[in-house]
Amino acid sequence: MKPKDGFLLREVDGTSIVVATGDAATEFSGLITLNQTGTLLWRCLEQDATEDDMVAKLLGKYDIDEESARRDVKAFVARAKDAGLLEE
């Protein structure tokens, strides 16, 4: 699973944002601000990670149980899909 072409993660003044560029900018106006966890998950998506990969990354980075990590990953992916940010 990976972001659609044209959606890029950028850091602006210490804040991580996803911006649309090129053709993607004609379909998506605005930007998305990510917290530290969202940034970590987006970077996983840039590497074409699976949900299981993303859960493992959260478990390795944070003191969190697997059920919570899995729920958070599913919620993040669902929101990204709803916003049209991910390839089908």
PDB file of N, CA and C in Angstrom:
ATOM      1  N   MET A   1       0.852  -1.160   0.000  1.00  0.00           N
ATOM      2  CA  MET A   1       0.000   0.000   0.000  1.00  0.00           C
ATOM      3  C   MET A   1       0.905   1.232   0.000  1.00  0.00           C
ATOM      4  N   LYS A   2       0.591   2.169  -0.866  1.00  0.00           N
ATOM      5  CA  LYS A   2       1.428   3.358  -0.947  1.00  0.00           C
ATOM      6  C   LYS A   2       0.611   4.577  -1.357  1.00  0.00           C
ATOM      7  N   PRO A   3       1.149   5.764  -1.105  1.00  0.00           N
ATOM      8  CA  PRO A   3       0.451   6.994  -1.494  1.00  0.00           C
ATOM      9  C   PRO A   3       0.338   7.106  -3.013  1.00  0.00           C
ATOM     10  N   LYS A   4      -0.714   7.760  -3.460  1.00  0.00           N
ATOM     11  CA  LYS A   4      -0.838   8.067  -4.886  1.00  0.00           C
ATOM     12  C   LYS A   4       0.286   9.008  -5.285  1.00  0.00           C
ATOM     13  N   ASP A   5       0.651   8.940  -6.563  1.00  0.00           N
ATOM     14  CA  ASP A   5       1.632   9.882  -7.088  1.00  0.00           C
ATOM     15  C   ASP A   5       1.143  11.301  -6.858  1.00  0.00           C
ATOM     16  N   GLY A   6       2.055  12.176  -6.503  1.00  0.00           N
ATOM     17  CA  GLY A   6       1.715  13.581  -6.341  1.00  0.00           C
ATOM     18  C   GLY A   6       1.436  13.989  -4.906  1.00  0.00           C
ATOM     19  N   PHE A   7       1.425  13.047  -3.971  1.00  0.00           N
ATOM     20  CA  PHE A   7       1.244  13.395  -2.562  1.00  0.00           C
ATOM     21  C   PHE A   7       2.581  13.209  -1.860  1.00  0.00           C
ATOM     22  N   LEU A   8       3.101  14.306  -1.326  1.00  0.00           N
ATOM     23  CA  LEU A   8       4.439  14.307  -0.762  1.00  0.00           C
ATOM     24  C   LEU A   8       4.420  14.761   0.692  1.00  0.00           C
ATOM     25  N   LEU A   9       5.256  14.134   1.496  1.00  0.00           N
ATOM     26  CA  LEU A   9       5.439  14.534   2.881  1.00  0.00           C
ATOM     27  C   LEU A   9       6.543  15.580   2.925  1.00  0.00           C
ATOM     28  N   ARG A  10       6.259  16.690   3.559  1.00  0.00           N
ATOM     29  CA  ARG A  10       7.231  17.764   3.716  1.00  0.00           C
ATOM     30  C   ARG A  10       7.215  18.224   5.164  1.00  0.00           C
ATOM     31  N   GLU A  11       8.352  18.747   5.611  1.00  0.00           N
ATOM     32  CA  GLU A  11       8.421  19.333   6.943  1.00  0.00           C
ATOM     33  C   GLU A  11       8.571  20.834   6.789  1.00  0.00           C
ATOM     34  N   VAL A  12       7.670  21.558   7.445  1.00  0.00           N
ATOM     35  CA  VAL A  12       7.682  23.011   7.389  1.00  0.00           C
ATOM     36  C   VAL A  12       7.704  23.523   8.821  1.00  0.00           C
ATOM     37  N   ASP A  13       8.782  24.162   9.183  1.00  0.00           N
ATOM     38  CA  ASP A  13       8.931  24.746  10.518  1.00  0.00           C
ATOM     39  C   ASP A  13       8.638  23.730  11.621  1.00  0.00           C
ATOM     40  N   GLY A  14       9.147  22.513  11.439  1.00  0.00           N
ATOM     41  CA  GLY A  14       8.985  21.469  12.448  1.00  0.00           C
ATOM     42  C   GLY A  14       7.666  20.726  12.413  1.00  0.00           C
ATOM     43  N   THR A  15       6.820  21.037  11.434  1.00  0.00           N
ATOM     44  CA  THR A  15       5.519  20.383  11.301  1.00  0.00           C
ATOM     45  C   THR A  15       5.508  19.546  10.023  1.00  0.00           C
ATOM     46  N   SER A  16       5.062  18.307  10.143  1.00  0.00           N
ATOM     47  CA  SER A  16       4.965  17.431   8.969  1.00  0.00           C
ATOM     48  C   SER A  16       3.622  17.640   8.290  1.00  0.00           C
ATOM     49  N   ILE A  17       3.681  17.863   6.977  1.00  0.00           N
ATOM     50  CA  ILE A  17       2.457  18.042   6.196  1.00  0.00           C
ATOM     51  C   ILE A  17       2.537  17.202   4.928  1.00  0.00           C
ATOM     52  N   VAL A  18       1.375  16.779   4.460  1.00  0.00           N
ATOM     53  CA  VAL A  18       1.268  16.114   3.166  1.00  0.00           C
ATOM     54  C   VAL A  18       0.649  17.122   2.218  1.00  0.00           C
ATOM     55  N   VAL A  19       1.317  17.346   1.098  1.00  0.00           N
ATOM     56  CA  VAL A  19       0.838  18.299   0.099  1.00  0.00           C
ATOM     57  C   VAL A  19       0.616  17.587  -1.223  1.00  0.00           C
ATOM     58  N   ALA A  20      -0.312  18.090  -1.986  1.00  0.00           N
ATOM     59  CA  ALA A  20      -0.573  17.568  -3.327  1.00  0.00           C
ATOM     60  C   ALA A  20       0.212  18.400  -4.333  1.00  0.00           C
ATOM     61  N   THR A  21       0.822  17.715  -5.301  1.00  0.00           N
ATOM     62  CA  THR A  21       1.573  18.400  -6.344  1.00  0.00           C
ATOM     63  C   THR A  21       1.119  17.896  -7.712  1.00  0.00           C
ATOM     64  N   GLY A  22       1.439  18.650  -8.741  1.00  0.00           N
ATOM     65  CA  GLY A  22       1.120  18.225 -10.103  1.00  0.00           C
ATOM     66  C   GLY A  22      -0.365  17.970 -10.298  1.00  0.00           C
ATOM     67  N   ASP A  23      -0.680  16.879 -10.992  1.00  0.00           N
ATOM     68  CA  ASP A  23      -2.073  16.536 -11.279  1.00  0.00           C
ATOM     69  C   ASP A  23      -2.882  16.296 -10.009  1.00  0.00           C
ATOM     70  N   ALA A  24      -2.249  15.790  -8.972  1.00  0.00           N
ATOM     71  CA  ALA A  24      -2.958  15.528  -7.720  1.00  0.00           C
ATOM     72  C   ALA A  24      -3.511  16.815  -7.120  1.00  0.00           C
ATOM     73  N   ALA A  25      -2.838  17.933  -7.366  1.00  0.00           N
ATOM     74  CA  ALA A  25      -3.284  19.214  -6.815  1.00  0.00           C
ATOM     75  C   ALA A  25      -4.586  19.688  -7.443  1.00  0.00           C
ATOM     76  N   THR A  26      -4.907  19.205  -8.639  1.00  0.00           N
ATOM     77  CA  THR A  26      -6.165  19.617  -9.266  1.00  0.00           C
ATOM     78  C   THR A  26      -7.357  18.880  -8.655  1.00  0.00           C
ATOM     79  N   GLU A  27      -7.092  17.722  -8.053  1.00  0.00           N
ATOM     80  CA  GLU A  27      -8.160  16.931  -7.448  1.00  0.00           C
ATOM     81  C   GLU A  27      -8.250  17.109  -5.942  1.00  0.00           C
ATOM     82  N   PHE A  28      -7.172  17.570  -5.315  1.00  0.00           N
ATOM     83  CA  PHE A  28      -7.126  17.691  -3.868  1.00  0.00           C
ATOM     84  C   PHE A  28      -6.569  19.062  -3.518  1.00  0.00           C
ATOM     85  N   SER A  29      -7.394  19.886  -2.895  1.00  0.00           N
ATOM     86  CA  SER A  29      -6.901  21.199  -2.488  1.00  0.00           C
ATOM     87  C   SER A  29      -6.705  21.197  -0.980  1.00  0.00           C
ATOM     88  N   GLY A  30      -5.647  21.806  -0.557  1.00  0.00           N
ATOM     89  CA  GLY A  30      -5.354  21.871   0.863  1.00  0.00           C
ATOM     90  C   GLY A  30      -4.122  21.062   1.208  1.00  0.00           C
ATOM     91  N   LEU A  31      -3.958  20.821   2.491  1.00  0.00           N
ATOM     92  CA  LEU A  31      -2.843  20.029   2.975  1.00  0.00           C
ATOM     93  C   LEU A  31      -3.289  19.279   4.219  1.00  0.00           C
ATOM     94  N   ILE A  32      -2.503  18.295   4.599  1.00  0.00           N
ATOM     95  CA  ILE A  32      -2.832  17.480   5.755  1.00  0.00           C
ATOM     96  C   ILE A  32      -1.666  17.577   6.724  1.00  0.00           C
ATOM     97  N   THR A  33      -1.966  17.944   7.954  1.00  0.00           N
ATOM     98  CA  THR A  33      -0.951  18.020   8.990  1.00  0.00           C
ATOM     99  C   THR A  33      -0.911  16.689   9.734  1.00  0.00           C
ATOM    100  N   LEU A  34       0.293  16.158   9.929  1.00  0.00           N
ATOM    101  CA  LEU A  34       0.455  14.877  10.610  1.00  0.00           C
ATOM    102  C   LEU A  34       1.181  15.058  11.936  1.00  0.00           C
ATOM    103  N   ASN A  35       0.744  14.319  12.943  1.00  0.00           N
ATOM    104  CA  ASN A  35       1.493  14.283  14.191  1.00  0.00           C
ATOM    105  C   ASN A  35       2.662  13.313  14.019  1.00  0.00           C
ATOM    106  N   GLN A  36       3.408  13.069  15.101  1.00  0.00           N
ATOM    107  CA  GLN A  36       4.591  12.220  15.016  1.00  0.00           C
ATOM    108  C   GLN A  36       4.239  10.805  14.559  1.00  0.00           C
ATOM    109  N   THR A  37       3.161  10.252  15.077  1.00  0.00           N
ATOM    110  CA  THR A  37       2.747   8.904  14.689  1.00  0.00           C
ATOM    111  C   THR A  37       2.296   8.872  13.234  1.00  0.00           C
ATOM    112  N   GLY A  38       1.515   9.861  12.825  1.00  0.00           N
ATOM    113  CA  GLY A  38       1.072   9.937  11.441  1.00  0.00           C
ATOM    114  C   GLY A  38       2.239  10.055  10.477  1.00  0.00           C
ATOM    115  N   THR A  39       3.255  10.806  10.873  1.00  0.00           N
ATOM    116  CA  THR A  39       4.453  10.944  10.047  1.00  0.00           C
ATOM    117  C   THR A  39       5.154   9.604   9.895  1.00  0.00           C
ATOM    118  N   LEU A  40       5.288   8.873  10.993  1.00  0.00           N
ATOM    119  CA  LEU A  40       5.906   7.549  10.949  1.00  0.00           C
ATOM    120  C   LEU A  40       5.133   6.620  10.021  1.00  0.00           C
ATOM    121  N   LEU A  41       3.807   6.629  10.135  1.00  0.00           N
ATOM    122  CA  LEU A  41       2.981   5.759   9.289  1.00  0.00           C
ATOM    123  C   LEU A  41       3.040   6.180   7.827  1.00  0.00           C
ATOM    124  N   TRP A  42       3.061   7.469   7.553  1.00  0.00           N
ATOM    125  CA  TRP A  42       3.163   7.937   6.164  1.00  0.00           C
ATOM    126  C   TRP A  42       4.489   7.482   5.553  1.00  0.00           C
ATOM    127  N   ARG A  43       5.555   7.580   6.325  1.00  0.00           N
ATOM    128  CA  ARG A  43       6.860   7.129   5.819  1.00  0.00           C
ATOM    129  C   ARG A  43       6.847   5.631   5.525  1.00  0.00           C
ATOM    130  N   CYS A  44       6.104   4.884   6.329  1.00  0.00           N
ATOM    131  CA  CYS A  44       5.937   3.456   6.033  1.00  0.00           C
ATOM    132  C   CYS A  44       5.225   3.278   4.700  1.00  0.00           C
ATOM    133  N   LEU A  45       4.174   4.063   4.472  1.00  0.00           N
ATOM    134  CA  LEU A  45       3.442   3.973   3.212  1.00  0.00           C
ATOM    135  C   LEU A  45       4.343   4.297   2.022  1.00  0.00           C
ATOM    136  N   GLU A  46       5.237   5.253   2.199  1.00  0.00           N
ATOM    137  CA  GLU A  46       6.164   5.598   1.113  1.00  0.00           C
ATOM    138  C   GLU A  46       7.052   4.413   0.743  1.00  0.00           C
ATOM    139  N   GLN A  47       7.215   3.474   1.663  1.00  0.00           N
ATOM    140  CA  GLN A  47       8.018   2.271   1.417  1.00  0.00           C
ATOM    141  C   GLN A  47       7.143   1.093   0.987  1.00  0.00           C
ATOM    142  N   ASP A  48       5.883   1.371   0.650  1.00  0.00           N
ATOM    143  CA  ASP A  48       4.928   0.356   0.213  1.00  0.00           C
ATOM    144  C   ASP A  48       4.693  -0.705   1.297  1.00  0.00           C
ATOM    145  N   ALA A  49       4.569  -0.253   2.538  1.00  0.00           N
ATOM    146  CA  ALA A  49       4.390  -1.145   3.684  1.00  0.00           C
ATOM    147  C   ALA A  49       2.976  -1.709   3.737  1.00  0.00           C
ATOM    148  N   THR A  50       2.872  -2.880   4.321  1.00  0.00           N
ATOM    149  CA  THR A  50       1.561  -3.467   4.611  1.00  0.00           C
ATOM    150  C   THR A  50       1.096  -2.952   5.973  1.00  0.00           C
ATOM    151  N   GLU A  51      -0.165  -3.225   6.296  1.00  0.00           N
ATOM    152  CA  GLU A  51      -0.650  -2.845   7.616  1.00  0.00           C
ATOM    153  C   GLU A  51       0.147  -3.567   8.700  1.00  0.00           C
ATOM    154  N   ASP A  52       0.493  -4.824   8.476  1.00  0.00           N
ATOM    155  CA  ASP A  52       1.295  -5.560   9.455  1.00  0.00           C
ATOM    156  C   ASP A  52       2.666  -4.908   9.649  1.00  0.00           C
ATOM    157  N   ASP A  53       3.280  -4.444   8.563  1.00  0.00           N
ATOM    158  CA  ASP A  53       4.562  -3.740   8.667  1.00  0.00           C
ATOM    159  C   ASP A  53       4.414  -2.487   9.525  1.00  0.00           C
ATOM    160  N   MET A  54       3.314  -1.768   9.314  1.00  0.00           N
ATOM    161  CA  MET A  54       3.087  -0.526  10.038  1.00  0.00           C
ATOM    162  C   MET A  54       2.847  -0.796  11.524  1.00  0.00           C
ATOM    163  N   VAL A  55       2.112  -1.857  11.826  1.00  0.00           N
ATOM    164  CA  VAL A  55       1.883  -2.240  13.224  1.00  0.00           C
ATOM    165  C   VAL A  55       3.223  -2.561  13.884  1.00  0.00           C
ATOM    166  N   ALA A  56       4.056  -3.322  13.199  1.00  0.00           N
ATOM    167  CA  ALA A  56       5.371  -3.681  13.740  1.00  0.00           C
ATOM    168  C   ALA A  56       6.213  -2.435  14.001  1.00  0.00           C
ATOM    169  N   LYS A  57       6.140  -1.475  13.118  1.00  0.00           N
ATOM    170  CA  LYS A  57       6.898  -0.226  13.285  1.00  0.00           C
ATOM    171  C   LYS A  57       6.423   0.526  14.524  1.00  0.00           C
ATOM    172  N   LEU A  58       5.104   0.594  14.716  1.00  0.00           N
ATOM    173  CA  LEU A  58       4.571   1.259  15.912  1.00  0.00           C
ATOM    174  C   LEU A  58       5.001   0.539  17.180  1.00  0.00           C
ATOM    175  N   LEU A  59       4.943  -0.788  17.158  1.00  0.00           N
ATOM    176  CA  LEU A  59       5.326  -1.568  18.333  1.00  0.00           C
ATOM    177  C   LEU A  59       6.803  -1.375  18.673  1.00  0.00           C
ATOM    178  N   GLY A  60       7.628  -1.201  17.655  1.00  0.00           N
ATOM    179  CA  GLY A  60       9.049  -0.984  17.883  1.00  0.00           C
ATOM    180  C   GLY A  60       9.387   0.412  18.363  1.00  0.00           C
ATOM    181  N   LYS A  61       8.525   1.363  18.082  1.00  0.00           N
ATOM    182  CA  LYS A  61       8.804   2.767  18.404  1.00  0.00           C
ATOM    183  C   LYS A  61       8.137   3.226  19.701  1.00  0.00           C
ATOM    184  N   TYR A  62       6.940   2.733  19.962  1.00  0.00           N
ATOM    185  CA  TYR A  62       6.156   3.221  21.097  1.00  0.00           C
ATOM    186  C   TYR A  62       5.832   2.093  22.074  1.00  0.00           C
ATOM    187  N   ASP A  63       5.584   2.469  23.293  1.00  0.00           N
ATOM    188  CA  ASP A  63       5.143   1.517  24.316  1.00  0.00           C
ATOM    189  C   ASP A  63       3.628   1.376  24.181  1.00  0.00           C
ATOM    190  N   ILE A  64       3.211   0.477  23.290  1.00  0.00           N
ATOM    191  CA  ILE A  64       1.801   0.315  22.947  1.00  0.00           C
ATOM    192  C   ILE A  64       1.536  -1.179  22.733  1.00  0.00           C
ATOM    193  N   ASP A  65       0.329  -1.608  23.056  1.00  0.00           N
ATOM    194  CA  ASP A  65      -0.002  -3.018  22.838  1.00  0.00           C
ATOM    195  C   ASP A  65      -0.408  -3.230  21.372  1.00  0.00           C
ATOM    196  N   GLU A  66      -0.331  -4.473  20.922  1.00  0.00           N
ATOM    197  CA  GLU A  66      -0.579  -4.770  19.514  1.00  0.00           C
ATOM    198  C   GLU A  66      -2.006  -4.422  19.087  1.00  0.00           C
ATOM    199  N   GLU A  67      -2.965  -4.662  19.933  1.00  0.00           N
ATOM    200  CA  GLU A  67      -4.362  -4.351  19.586  1.00  0.00           C
ATOM    201  C   GLU A  67      -4.536  -2.856  19.323  1.00  0.00           C
ATOM    202  N   SER A  68      -3.960  -2.027  20.186  1.00  0.00           N
ATOM    203  CA  SER A  68      -4.057  -0.573  19.991  1.00  0.00           C
ATOM    204  C   SER A  68      -3.319  -0.137  18.740  1.00  0.00           C
ATOM    205  N   ALA A  69      -2.134  -0.712  18.513  1.00  0.00           N
ATOM    206  CA  ALA A  69      -1.360  -0.364  17.321  1.00  0.00           C
ATOM    207  C   ALA A  69      -2.132  -0.726  16.058  1.00  0.00           C
ATOM    208  N   ARG A  70      -2.717  -1.914  16.040  1.00  0.00           N
ATOM    209  CA  ARG A  70      -3.481  -2.364  14.870  1.00  0.00           C
ATOM    210  C   ARG A  70      -4.697  -1.460  14.634  1.00  0.00           C
ATOM    211  N   ARG A  71      -5.381  -1.098  15.701  1.00  0.00           N
ATOM    212  CA  ARG A  71      -6.544  -0.208  15.588  1.00  0.00           C
ATOM    213  C   ARG A  71      -6.119   1.162  15.039  1.00  0.00           C
ATOM    214  N   ASP A  72      -4.992   1.692  15.538  1.00  0.00           N
ATOM    215  CA  ASP A  72      -4.507   2.988  15.069  1.00  0.00           C
ATOM    216  C   ASP A  72      -4.106   2.950  13.600  1.00  0.00           C
ATOM    217  N   VAL A  73      -3.436   1.878  13.198  1.00  0.00           N
ATOM    218  CA  VAL A  73      -3.034   1.742  11.794  1.00  0.00           C
ATOM    219  C   VAL A  73      -4.266   1.653  10.902  1.00  0.00           C
ATOM    220  N   LYS A  74      -5.232   0.842  11.285  1.00  0.00           N
ATOM    221  CA  LYS A  74      -6.459   0.710  10.476  1.00  0.00           C
ATOM    222  C   LYS A  74      -7.177   2.047  10.348  1.00  0.00           C
ATOM    223  N   ALA A  75      -7.230   2.812  11.433  1.00  0.00           N
ATOM    224  CA  ALA A  75      -7.880   4.126  11.397  1.00  0.00           C
ATOM    225  C   ALA A  75      -7.116   5.083  10.480  1.00  0.00           C
ATOM    226  N   PHE A  76      -5.792   5.079  10.564  1.00  0.00           N
ATOM    227  CA  PHE A  76      -4.974   5.951   9.721  1.00  0.00           C
ATOM    228  C   PHE A  76      -5.161   5.606   8.249  1.00  0.00           C
ATOM    229  N   VAL A  77      -5.097   4.326   7.936  1.00  0.00           N
ATOM    230  CA  VAL A  77      -5.251   3.882   6.545  1.00  0.00           C
ATOM    231  C   VAL A  77      -6.652   4.212   6.031  1.00  0.00           C
ATOM    232  N   ALA A  78      -7.670   4.005   6.844  1.00  0.00           N
ATOM    233  CA  ALA A  78      -9.042   4.306   6.431  1.00  0.00           C
ATOM    234  C   ALA A  78      -9.205   5.790   6.122  1.00  0.00           C
ATOM    235  N   ARG A  79      -8.644   6.639   6.961  1.00  0.00           N
ATOM    236  CA  ARG A  79      -8.748   8.089   6.718  1.00  0.00           C
ATOM    237  C   ARG A  79      -8.002   8.491   5.444  1.00  0.00           C
ATOM    238  N   ALA A  80      -6.823   7.893   5.241  1.00  0.00           N
ATOM    239  CA  ALA A  80      -6.045   8.201   4.037  1.00  0.00           C
ATOM    240  C   ALA A  80      -6.786   7.739   2.783  1.00  0.00           C
ATOM    241  N   LYS A  81      -7.420   6.564   2.854  1.00  0.00           N
ATOM    242  CA  LYS A  81      -8.200   6.082   1.714  1.00  0.00           C
ATOM    243  C   LYS A  81      -9.403   6.980   1.456  1.00  0.00           C
ATOM    244  N   ASP A  82     -10.118   7.341   2.513  1.00  0.00           N
ATOM    245  CA  ASP A  82     -11.288   8.216   2.387  1.00  0.00           C
ATOM    246  C   ASP A  82     -10.918   9.561   1.760  1.00  0.00           C
ATOM    247  N   ALA A  83      -9.720  10.036   2.064  1.00  0.00           N
ATOM    248  CA  ALA A  83      -9.268  11.310   1.509  1.00  0.00           C
ATOM    249  C   ALA A  83      -8.719  11.164   0.083  1.00  0.00           C
ATOM    250  N   GLY A  84      -8.635   9.926  -0.410  1.00  0.00           N
ATOM    251  CA  GLY A  84      -8.141   9.694  -1.761  1.00  0.00           C
ATOM    252  C   GLY A  84      -6.635   9.788  -1.896  1.00  0.00           C
ATOM    253  N   LEU A  85      -5.908   9.522  -0.810  1.00  0.00           N
ATOM    254  CA  LEU A  85      -4.458   9.670  -0.824  1.00  0.00           C
ATOM    255  C   LEU A  85      -3.700   8.406  -1.185  1.00  0.00           C
ATOM    256  N   LEU A  86      -4.375   7.248  -1.174  1.00  0.00           N
ATOM    257  CA  LEU A  86      -3.686   5.984  -1.392  1.00  0.00           C
ATOM    258  C   LEU A  86      -4.058   5.364  -2.724  1.00  0.00           C
ATOM    259  N   GLU A  87      -3.100   4.626  -3.303  1.00  0.00           N
ATOM    260  CA  GLU A  87      -3.377   3.861  -4.505  1.00  0.00           C
ATOM    261  C   GLU A  87      -4.335   2.730  -4.145  1.00  0.00           C
ATOM    262  N   GLU A  88      -5.158   2.349  -5.077  1.00  0.00           N
ATOM    263  CA  GLU A  88      -6.119   1.274  -4.822  1.00  0.00           C
ATOM    264  C   GLU A  88      -5.480  -0.061  -4.891  1.00  0.00           C
TER     265      GLU A  88
END
